[in-house]
């Protein structure tokens, strides 16, 4: 079910980009390295087992999609925050024990898939992501959510499945973001 959701988001996002640019071609890093950086809009490092990103990636200023899912990243280089056109970022299934604050500088970001990591709190700066519509934290043990989430008026969906939250927390969290569809697993008494 989770894979189907991610595929659906990628398809929807691809259709939106195709309508805007005429074509979306997701390149592997090997393909992107030999391309003109100005003509590359989407790069995938998915399942490459990378633990660091190459510095040359910073040359691709027109990126709108960056797939870094299923790797061994523990942090992001500072230059990632400079991708001012980036709308879709996948950091799922990495080794992030701290939410990378470089993400907070991605002013055009609409979809953040950062599930299956180990960090337990979101930074206050997440409130700067004014275009964010989808936040996927599935199976990520986040226990501390900043008040700045309430500033994200375009936020439509948060996935918090995979972690057990108590009924009181679920109720209060939903009340604090009434315009957002929040997906939880059934509540438990484990975190009351």
Protein backbone atom coordinates (compact mmCIF):
# COMPACT_ATOMS: atom_id res chain seq x y z
CA UNK A 1 0.00 0.00 0.00
CA UNK A 2 2.84 2.38 0.90
CA UNK A 3 4.63 1.71 -2.41
CA UNK A 4 1.39 2.38 -4.29
CA UNK A 5 1.02 5.74 -2.51
CA UNK A 6 4.60 6.80 -3.36
CA UNK A 7 4.13 5.74 -6.98
CA UNK A 8 0.87 7.70 -7.11
CA UNK A 9 2.56 10.84 -5.77
CA UNK A 10 5.38 10.49 -8.29
CA UNK A 11 2.90 10.03 -11.13
CA UNK A 12 0.82 13.04 -10.08
CA UNK A 13 3.95 15.13 -9.65
CA UNK A 14 5.28 13.96 -13.03
CA UNK A 15 2.00 14.85 -14.74
CA UNK A 16 2.11 18.33 -13.21
CA UNK A 17 5.68 18.88 -14.38
CA UNK A 18 5.01 17.46 -17.82
CA UNK A 19 2.14 19.92 -18.19
CA UNK A 20 4.44 22.78 -17.23
CA UNK A 21 7.69 21.88 -18.99
CA UNK A 22 6.57 19.56 -21.76
CA UNK A 23 8.74 16.69 -20.52
CA UNK A 24 10.12 15.31 -17.27
CA UNK A 25 13.03 12.97 -17.55
CA UNK A 26 14.41 11.55 -14.31
CA UNK A 27 18.12 10.96 -14.78
CA UNK A 28 20.41 8.74 -12.79
CA UNK A 29 23.50 10.48 -11.40
CA UNK A 30 25.62 8.79 -14.09
CA UNK A 31 23.38 10.25 -16.82
CA UNK A 32 23.19 13.67 -15.18
CA UNK A 33 26.96 14.06 -14.87
CA UNK A 34 27.33 14.19 -18.66
CA UNK A 35 24.31 16.44 -19.27
CA UNK A 36 24.10 20.21 -19.37
CA UNK A 37 23.13 21.15 -15.77
CA UNK A 38 20.69 23.79 -17.05
CA UNK A 39 18.62 21.10 -18.81
CA UNK A 40 18.37 18.65 -15.89
CA UNK A 41 15.21 18.92 -13.77
CA UNK A 42 15.09 15.54 -12.00
CA UNK A 43 17.81 13.28 -10.61
CA UNK A 44 17.50 9.97 -8.81
CA UNK A 45 20.10 8.46 -6.51
CA UNK A 46 17.57 5.88 -5.29
CA UNK A 47 19.07 2.61 -4.01
CA UNK A 48 22.65 3.66 -4.77
CA UNK A 49 23.85 3.09 -1.17
CA UNK A 50 25.44 6.55 -1.08
CA UNK A 51 26.44 7.97 2.28
CA UNK A 52 27.42 11.39 0.92
CA UNK A 53 26.27 13.45 -2.04
CA UNK A 54 28.78 14.56 -4.67
CA UNK A 55 29.69 18.26 -4.59
CA UNK A 56 29.02 18.45 -8.35
CA UNK A 57 25.31 18.01 -7.62
CA UNK A 58 25.26 21.69 -6.58
CA UNK A 59 25.62 22.64 -10.30
CA UNK A 60 22.06 21.45 -11.02
CA UNK A 61 20.24 24.61 -9.99
CA UNK A 62 17.06 23.82 -11.97
CA UNK A 63 16.20 20.63 -10.11
CA UNK A 64 12.51 20.26 -9.32
CA UNK A 65 12.74 16.60 -8.23
CA UNK A 66 15.50 14.92 -6.24
CA UNK A 67 15.16 11.29 -5.20
CA UNK A 68 17.64 10.33 -2.50
CA UNK A 69 15.56 7.47 -1.14
CA UNK A 70 16.94 4.15 0.10
CA UNK A 71 20.51 5.21 0.75
CA UNK A 72 22.81 5.62 3.75
CA UNK A 73 22.70 9.39 4.19
CA UNK A 74 23.19 10.65 7.75
CA UNK A 75 23.13 14.33 6.78
CA UNK A 76 22.76 16.62 3.80
CA UNK A 77 25.40 18.98 2.49
CA UNK A 78 24.63 22.68 2.87
CA UNK A 79 24.28 23.19 -0.89
CA UNK A 80 21.03 21.18 -0.94
CA UNK A 81 19.31 24.15 0.69
CA UNK A 82 20.19 26.20 -2.40
CA UNK A 83 17.91 24.25 -4.75
CA UNK A 84 15.39 27.07 -4.97
CA UNK A 85 13.19 25.32 -7.58
CA UNK A 86 13.02 21.93 -5.84
CA UNK A 87 9.40 20.84 -5.41
CA UNK A 88 9.78 17.13 -4.60
CA UNK A 89 12.39 15.64 -2.26
CA UNK A 90 12.56 11.97 -1.30
CA UNK A 91 14.83 11.11 1.62
CA UNK A 92 12.99 7.94 2.63
CA UNK A 93 14.82 5.01 4.20
CA UNK A 94 18.13 6.69 5.00
CA UNK A 95 20.04 6.96 8.28
CA UNK A 96 18.94 10.45 9.30
CA UNK A 97 18.99 10.69 13.10
CA UNK A 98 18.47 14.47 12.92
CA UNK A 99 16.11 16.28 10.54
CA UNK A 100 18.37 18.11 8.03
CA UNK A 101 17.77 21.84 8.52
CA UNK A 102 19.01 22.47 4.95
CA UNK A 103 15.53 21.35 3.90
CA UNK A 104 14.04 24.42 5.58
CA UNK A 105 15.61 26.63 2.89
CA UNK A 106 13.72 24.88 0.06
CA UNK A 107 11.07 27.55 -0.43
CA UNK A 108 9.41 25.86 -3.43
CA UNK A 109 9.16 22.41 -1.79
CA UNK A 110 5.69 20.88 -2.16
CA UNK A 111 6.31 17.24 -1.25
CA UNK A 112 8.74 15.95 1.37
CA UNK A 113 9.03 12.18 1.70
CA UNK A 114 11.32 11.59 4.66
CA UNK A 115 9.88 8.40 6.09
CA UNK A 116 11.71 5.45 7.67
CA UNK A 117 14.42 7.53 9.31
CA UNK A 118 15.23 7.72 13.03
CA UNK A 119 14.97 11.42 13.98
CA UNK A 120 12.43 12.16 16.71
CA UNK A 121 11.68 15.84 16.22
CA UNK A 122 11.04 18.39 13.52
CA UNK A 123 12.87 21.72 13.71
CA UNK A 124 10.96 24.95 14.13
CA UNK A 125 12.29 26.11 10.74
CA UNK A 126 9.95 23.65 8.99
CA UNK A 127 7.45 26.52 9.22
CA UNK A 128 9.41 28.25 6.42
CA UNK A 129 8.21 25.68 3.88
CA UNK A 130 5.19 27.72 2.85
CA UNK A 131 4.51 25.66 -0.33
CA UNK A 132 4.61 22.29 1.44
CA UNK A 133 1.51 20.21 0.71
CA UNK A 134 2.58 16.67 1.67
CA UNK A 135 4.78 15.58 4.57
CA UNK A 136 5.45 11.84 4.69
CA UNK A 137 6.88 10.77 8.07
CA UNK A 138 5.62 7.19 7.95
CA UNK A 139 7.51 4.91 10.36
CA UNK A 140 9.66 7.79 11.66
CA UNK A 141 9.46 8.13 15.47
CA UNK A 142 8.75 11.87 15.63
CA UNK A 143 7.53 12.82 19.11
CA UNK A 144 8.11 16.58 19.03
CA UNK A 145 6.27 18.74 16.53
CA UNK A 146 6.90 22.50 16.44
CA UNK A 147 4.07 25.02 16.64
CA UNK A 148 5.39 26.43 13.34
CA UNK A 149 3.58 23.60 11.51
CA UNK A 150 0.44 25.68 11.97
CA UNK A 151 1.99 28.28 9.62
CA UNK A 152 1.86 25.82 6.70
CA UNK A 153 -1.51 26.76 5.23
CA UNK A 154 -0.94 24.77 2.00
CA UNK A 155 -0.24 21.58 3.94
CA UNK A 156 -2.87 19.01 2.97
CA UNK A 157 -1.51 15.68 4.19
CA UNK A 158 0.79 14.30 6.89
CA UNK A 159 1.48 10.57 7.14
CA UNK A 160 2.35 9.54 10.70
CA UNK A 161 1.54 5.86 10.31
CA UNK A 162 3.98 3.27 11.59
CA UNK A 163 4.38 4.93 15.01
CA UNK A 164 1.88 4.45 17.81
CA UNK A 165 0.45 7.68 19.19
CA UNK A 166 -2.10 7.86 21.99
CA UNK A 167 -5.68 9.04 21.44
CA UNK A 168 -5.14 12.32 23.32
CA UNK A 169 -2.15 13.25 21.19
CA UNK A 170 -3.96 12.30 17.98
CA UNK A 171 -6.98 14.41 18.90
CA UNK A 172 -4.90 17.46 19.89
CA UNK A 173 -2.66 17.21 16.84
CA UNK A 174 -5.64 17.01 14.47
CA UNK A 175 -7.26 19.98 16.21
CA UNK A 176 -4.09 22.06 15.78
CA UNK A 177 -4.11 21.41 12.00
CA UNK A 178 -7.80 21.16 11.05
CA UNK A 179 -7.19 21.75 7.31
CA UNK A 180 -4.73 18.81 7.12
CA UNK A 181 -5.54 15.14 6.58
CA UNK A 182 -3.39 13.34 9.15
CA UNK A 183 -2.92 9.61 8.82
CA UNK A 184 -2.31 7.73 12.07
CA UNK A 185 -2.31 4.09 12.99
CA UNK A 186 -5.12 3.20 15.43
CA UNK A 187 -4.37 4.89 18.78
CA UNK A 188 -2.85 3.09 21.71
CA UNK A 189 -2.34 3.86 25.38
CA UNK A 190 1.41 3.55 24.93
CA UNK A 191 2.18 7.29 24.77
CA UNK A 192 -0.45 8.87 26.97
